[in-house]
Amino acid sequence: MPELSQDAERGRADQPFGWVEVTGPSMVPTLYHGDWLVVRHGGRIRPGDIVVLRHPFQQDLLVVKRAAERRQGGWWVLGDNAYAGGDSTDYGPVPDELILGKVRFRFRPRRPDQRSPLAVLRWALSATRPVLPDRSASRRLRAR
């Protein structure tokens, strides 16, 4: 389950956007350990959106998951990596008040082994990407 830096909370009341760093494998292949995310606080959440939320049982821990569907009691959230766990299959629906915001962009820092000019060019072209909702996220939910 990815733990995120607490920077998502700083300035939340003053600014509509914040940023967090991903640690952990639960959103692979969409997000990787070390990725930085731009988060839009508040706003409407739809199925398929990637969201930042407080863990329901450990509220000082921030996690990033995909909102799969709306259920009674909140959002059913899933990680993109089915083998990593740590999602609603473990703790049930997440209440609305624990959802902090929707992920809008991903920045992937350059790895130390990316030194050749071609590798640096490839990194530069793909380092920053918008994070788009995956409306097919509910397929995984139905498959379980």
C-alpha atoms as a PDB file:
ATOM      1  CA  MET A   1       0.000   0.000   0.000  1.00  0.00           C
ATOM      2  CA  PRO A   2       1.607   3.274  -0.995  1.00  0.00           C
ATOM      3  CA  GLU A   3       2.359   5.664   1.772  1.00  0.00           C
ATOM      4  CA  LEU A   4       2.453   9.270   0.689  1.00  0.00           C
ATOM      5  CA  SER A   5       4.316  12.238   2.059  1.00  0.00           C
ATOM      6  CA  GLN A   6       2.305  14.487   4.334  1.00  0.00           C
ATOM      7  CA  ASP A   7       2.764  17.430   1.942  1.00  0.00           C
ATOM      8  CA  ALA A   8      -0.740  16.779   0.622  1.00  0.00           C
ATOM      9  CA  GLU A   9      -2.059  18.270   3.843  1.00  0.00           C
ATOM     10  CA  ARG A  10       0.095  21.388   3.914  1.00  0.00           C
ATOM     11  CA  GLY A  11      -1.721  24.371   2.532  1.00  0.00           C
ATOM     12  CA  ARG A  12      -4.810  22.340   1.714  1.00  0.00           C
ATOM     13  CA  ALA A  13      -7.177  25.017   2.956  1.00  0.00           C
ATOM     14  CA  ASP A  14      -5.373  27.758   1.030  1.00  0.00           C
ATOM     15  CA  GLN A  15      -4.595  26.101  -2.293  1.00  0.00           C
ATOM     16  CA  PRO A  16      -6.669  23.907  -4.595  1.00  0.00           C
ATOM     17  CA  PHE A  17      -3.616  21.808  -5.567  1.00  0.00           C
ATOM     18  CA  GLY A  18      -1.009  19.886  -3.609  1.00  0.00           C
ATOM     19  CA  TRP A  19       1.645  17.278  -4.306  1.00  0.00           C
ATOM     20  CA  VAL A  20       2.534  13.899  -2.866  1.00  0.00           C
ATOM     21  CA  GLU A  21       5.239  11.278  -3.391  1.00  0.00           C
ATOM     22  CA  VAL A  22       4.307   7.643  -3.975  1.00  0.00           C
ATOM     23  CA  THR A  23       6.000   4.823  -2.067  1.00  0.00           C
ATOM     24  CA  GLY A  24       5.040   1.218  -2.590  1.00  0.00           C
ATOM     25  CA  PRO A  25       3.851  -0.998  -5.454  1.00  0.00           C
ATOM     26  CA  SER A  26       0.050  -1.059  -5.192  1.00  0.00           C
ATOM     27  CA  MET A  27      -0.594   1.191  -8.222  1.00  0.00           C
ATOM     28  CA  VAL A  28       1.937  -0.414 -10.601  1.00  0.00           C
ATOM     29  CA  PRO A  29       1.879  -0.167 -13.653  1.00  0.00           C
ATOM     30  CA  THR A  30       0.113   3.223 -13.506  1.00  0.00           C
ATOM     31  CA  LEU A  31       2.243   4.732 -10.731  1.00  0.00           C
ATOM     32  CA  TYR A  32       5.628   3.640  -9.432  1.00  0.00           C
ATOM     33  CA  HIS A  33       7.581   4.102  -6.219  1.00  0.00           C
ATOM     34  CA  GLY A  34       9.153   7.577  -6.338  1.00  0.00           C
ATOM     35  CA  ASP A  35       6.567   9.175  -8.638  1.00  0.00           C
ATOM     36  CA  TRP A  36       5.339  12.635  -7.669  1.00  0.00           C
ATOM     37  CA  LEU A  37       1.653  13.435  -8.058  1.00  0.00           C
ATOM     38  CA  VAL A  38      -0.212  16.714  -8.431  1.00  0.00           C
ATOM     39  CA  VAL A  39      -3.474  16.399  -6.508  1.00  0.00           C
ATOM     40  CA  ARG A  40      -6.586  18.549  -6.959  1.00  0.00           C
ATOM     41  CA  HIS A  41      -8.194  18.874  -3.510  1.00  0.00           C
ATOM     42  CA  GLY A  42     -11.939  18.424  -3.400  1.00  0.00           C
ATOM     43  CA  GLY A  43     -13.929  18.184  -6.590  1.00  0.00           C
ATOM     44  CA  ARG A  44     -16.177  15.492  -7.929  1.00  0.00           C
ATOM     45  CA  ILE A  45     -14.883  11.925  -7.895  1.00  0.00           C
ATOM     46  CA  ARG A  46     -16.007   9.544 -10.645  1.00  0.00           C
ATOM     47  CA  PRO A  47     -15.397   5.829 -11.141  1.00  0.00           C
ATOM     48  CA  GLY A  48     -11.944   5.290 -12.611  1.00  0.00           C
ATOM     49  CA  ASP A  49     -10.337   8.369 -11.020  1.00  0.00           C
ATOM     50  CA  ILE A  50      -7.124   7.943  -9.041  1.00  0.00           C
ATOM     51  CA  VAL A  51      -7.596   9.490  -5.616  1.00  0.00           C
ATOM     52  CA  VAL A  52      -5.568  10.300  -2.517  1.00  0.00           C
ATOM     53  CA  LEU A  53      -7.273   9.291   0.709  1.00  0.00           C
ATOM     54  CA  ARG A  54      -6.697   8.716   4.389  1.00  0.00           C
ATOM     55  CA  HIS A  55      -6.457   5.060   5.329  1.00  0.00           C
ATOM     56  CA  PRO A  56      -9.727   4.177   7.117  1.00  0.00           C
ATOM     57  CA  PHE A  57      -7.990   2.413  10.033  1.00  0.00           C
ATOM     58  CA  GLN A  58      -4.795   4.476  10.234  1.00  0.00           C
ATOM     59  CA  GLN A  59      -5.798   8.032   9.405  1.00  0.00           C
ATOM     60  CA  ASP A  60      -2.298   9.497   9.630  1.00  0.00           C
ATOM     61  CA  LEU A  61      -1.427   7.322   6.595  1.00  0.00           C
ATOM     62  CA  LEU A  62      -2.247   8.685   3.132  1.00  0.00           C
ATOM     63  CA  VAL A  63      -2.780   6.216   0.277  1.00  0.00           C
ATOM     64  CA  VAL A  64      -3.429   6.449  -3.442  1.00  0.00           C
ATOM     65  CA  LYS A  65      -5.993   4.160  -5.089  1.00  0.00           C
ATOM     66  CA  ARG A  66      -8.403   4.042  -8.004  1.00  0.00           C
ATOM     67  CA  ALA A  67     -12.060   4.812  -7.211  1.00  0.00           C
ATOM     68  CA  ALA A  68     -13.857   1.770  -8.657  1.00  0.00           C
ATOM     69  CA  GLU A  69     -17.479   2.409  -7.757  1.00  0.00           C
ATOM     70  CA  ARG A  70     -19.800   4.222  -5.408  1.00  0.00           C
ATOM     71  CA  ARG A  71     -21.327   2.053  -2.695  1.00  0.00           C
ATOM     72  CA  GLN A  72     -23.379   2.616   0.385  1.00  0.00           C
ATOM     73  CA  GLY A  73     -20.914   3.982   2.914  1.00  0.00           C
ATOM     74  CA  GLY A  74     -18.480   5.536   0.423  1.00  0.00           C
ATOM     75  CA  TRP A  75     -16.142   4.691  -2.436  1.00  0.00           C
ATOM     76  CA  TRP A  76     -14.881   1.218  -3.225  1.00  0.00           C
ATOM     77  CA  VAL A  77     -11.193   1.780  -4.032  1.00  0.00           C
ATOM     78  CA  LEU A  78      -8.727  -0.625  -5.640  1.00  0.00           C
ATOM     79  CA  GLY A  79      -5.015  -0.655  -6.368  1.00  0.00           C
ATOM     80  CA  ASP A  80      -4.005  -1.272  -9.978  1.00  0.00           C
ATOM     81  CA  ASN A  81      -1.652  -4.040  -8.810  1.00  0.00           C
ATOM     82  CA  ALA A  82      -4.009  -6.822  -7.706  1.00  0.00           C
ATOM     83  CA  TYR A  83      -1.182  -8.640  -5.890  1.00  0.00           C
ATOM     84  CA  ALA A  84      -0.192  -5.743  -3.614  1.00  0.00           C
ATOM     85  CA  GLY A  85      -3.422  -5.563  -1.576  1.00  0.00           C
ATOM     86  CA  GLY A  86      -4.261  -2.775   0.828  1.00  0.00           C
ATOM     87  CA  ASP A  87      -7.498  -1.589  -0.765  1.00  0.00           C
ATOM     88  CA  SER A  88     -11.250  -1.864  -0.166  1.00  0.00           C
ATOM     89  CA  THR A  89     -11.065  -5.648  -0.312  1.00  0.00           C
ATOM     90  CA  ASP A  90      -9.254  -5.307   3.044  1.00  0.00           C
ATOM     91  CA  TYR A  91     -11.101  -2.380   4.655  1.00  0.00           C
ATOM     92  CA  GLY A  92     -14.403  -1.910   2.783  1.00  0.00           C
ATOM     93  CA  PRO A  93     -15.831   1.315   1.326  1.00  0.00           C
ATOM     94  CA  VAL A  94     -14.008   4.557   2.126  1.00  0.00           C
ATOM     95  CA  PRO A  95     -16.229   7.375   3.473  1.00  0.00           C
ATOM     96  CA  ASP A  96     -16.302  10.602   1.441  1.00  0.00           C
ATOM     97  CA  GLU A  97     -14.674  12.619   4.216  1.00  0.00           C
ATOM     98  CA  LEU A  98     -11.505  10.487   3.928  1.00  0.00           C
ATOM     99  CA  ILE A  99     -11.069  11.229   0.201  1.00  0.00           C
ATOM    100  CA  LEU A 100      -8.669  14.189  -0.010  1.00  0.00           C
ATOM    101  CA  GLY A 101      -8.525  14.754  -3.761  1.00  0.00           C
ATOM    102  CA  LYS A 102      -8.102  13.523  -7.309  1.00  0.00           C
ATOM    103  CA  VAL A 103      -4.694  12.948  -8.946  1.00  0.00           C
ATOM    104  CA  ARG A 104      -4.243  15.142 -12.042  1.00  0.00           C
ATOM    105  CA  PHE A 105      -0.567  14.748 -13.110  1.00  0.00           C
ATOM    106  CA  ARG A 106       2.307  12.366 -12.537  1.00  0.00           C
ATOM    107  CA  PHE A 107       6.006  13.316 -12.570  1.00  0.00           C
ATOM    108  CA  ARG A 108       8.502  10.457 -12.730  1.00  0.00           C
ATOM    109  CA  PRO A 109      12.016  11.484 -11.591  1.00  0.00           C
ATOM    110  CA  ARG A 110      14.981  10.420 -13.707  1.00  0.00           C
ATOM    111  CA  ARG A 111      16.732   7.271 -12.549  1.00  0.00           C
ATOM    112  CA  PRO A 112      20.518   7.335 -12.006  1.00  0.00           C
ATOM    113  CA  ASP A 113      21.044   4.730 -14.762  1.00  0.00           C
ATOM    114  CA  GLN A 114      19.412   7.003 -17.364  1.00  0.00           C
ATOM    115  CA  ARG A 115      22.628   8.732 -18.452  1.00  0.00           C
ATOM    116  CA  SER A 116      22.873   8.319 -22.216  1.00  0.00           C
ATOM    117  CA  PRO A 117      21.497  11.175 -24.331  1.00  0.00           C
ATOM    118  CA  LEU A 118      18.816   8.866 -25.750  1.00  0.00           C
ATOM    119  CA  ALA A 119      17.738   7.717 -22.275  1.00  0.00           C
ATOM    120  CA  VAL A 120      17.575  11.317 -21.047  1.00  0.00           C
ATOM    121  CA  LEU A 121      15.516  12.298 -24.107  1.00  0.00           C
ATOM    122  CA  ARG A 122      13.096   9.401 -23.532  1.00  0.00           C
ATOM    123  CA  TRP A 123      12.770  10.384 -19.885  1.00  0.00           C
ATOM    124  CA  ALA A 124      12.183  14.050 -20.774  1.00  0.00           C
ATOM    125  CA  LEU A 125       9.390  13.106 -23.182  1.00  0.00           C
ATOM    126  CA  SER A 126       7.614  10.854 -20.700  1.00  0.00           C
ATOM    127  CA  ALA A 127       8.450  12.251 -17.241  1.00  0.00           C
ATOM    128  CA  THR A 128       5.314  14.352 -16.863  1.00  0.00           C
ATOM    129  CA  ARG A 129       1.967  12.943 -17.877  1.00  0.00           C
ATOM    130  CA  PRO A 130      -1.644  13.686 -17.032  1.00  0.00           C
ATOM    131  CA  VAL A 131      -3.263  10.932 -14.989  1.00  0.00           C
ATOM    132  CA  LEU A 132      -6.439  10.051 -16.825  1.00  0.00           C
ATOM    133  CA  PRO A 133      -9.327   8.104 -15.338  1.00  0.00           C
ATOM    134  CA  ASP A 134      -9.691   4.489 -16.365  1.00  0.00           C
ATOM    135  CA  ARG A 135     -13.410   3.933 -16.753  1.00  0.00           C
ATOM    136  CA  SER A 136     -12.786   0.197 -17.125  1.00  0.00           C
ATOM    137  CA  ALA A 137     -11.606  -0.070 -13.510  1.00  0.00           C
ATOM    138  CA  SER A 138     -14.858  -1.704 -12.512  1.00  0.00           C
ATOM    139  CA  ARG A 139     -13.971  -4.749 -14.683  1.00  0.00           C
ATOM    140  CA  ARG A 140     -11.453  -5.843 -12.063  1.00  0.00           C
ATOM    141  CA  LEU A 141     -14.116  -5.395  -9.396  1.00  0.00           C
ATOM    142  CA  ARG A 142     -16.513  -7.686 -11.258  1.00  0.00           C
ATOM    143  CA  ALA A 143     -13.799 -10.283 -11.888  1.00  0.00           C
ATOM    144  CA  ARG A 144     -13.207 -10.942  -8.183  1.00  0.00           C
END
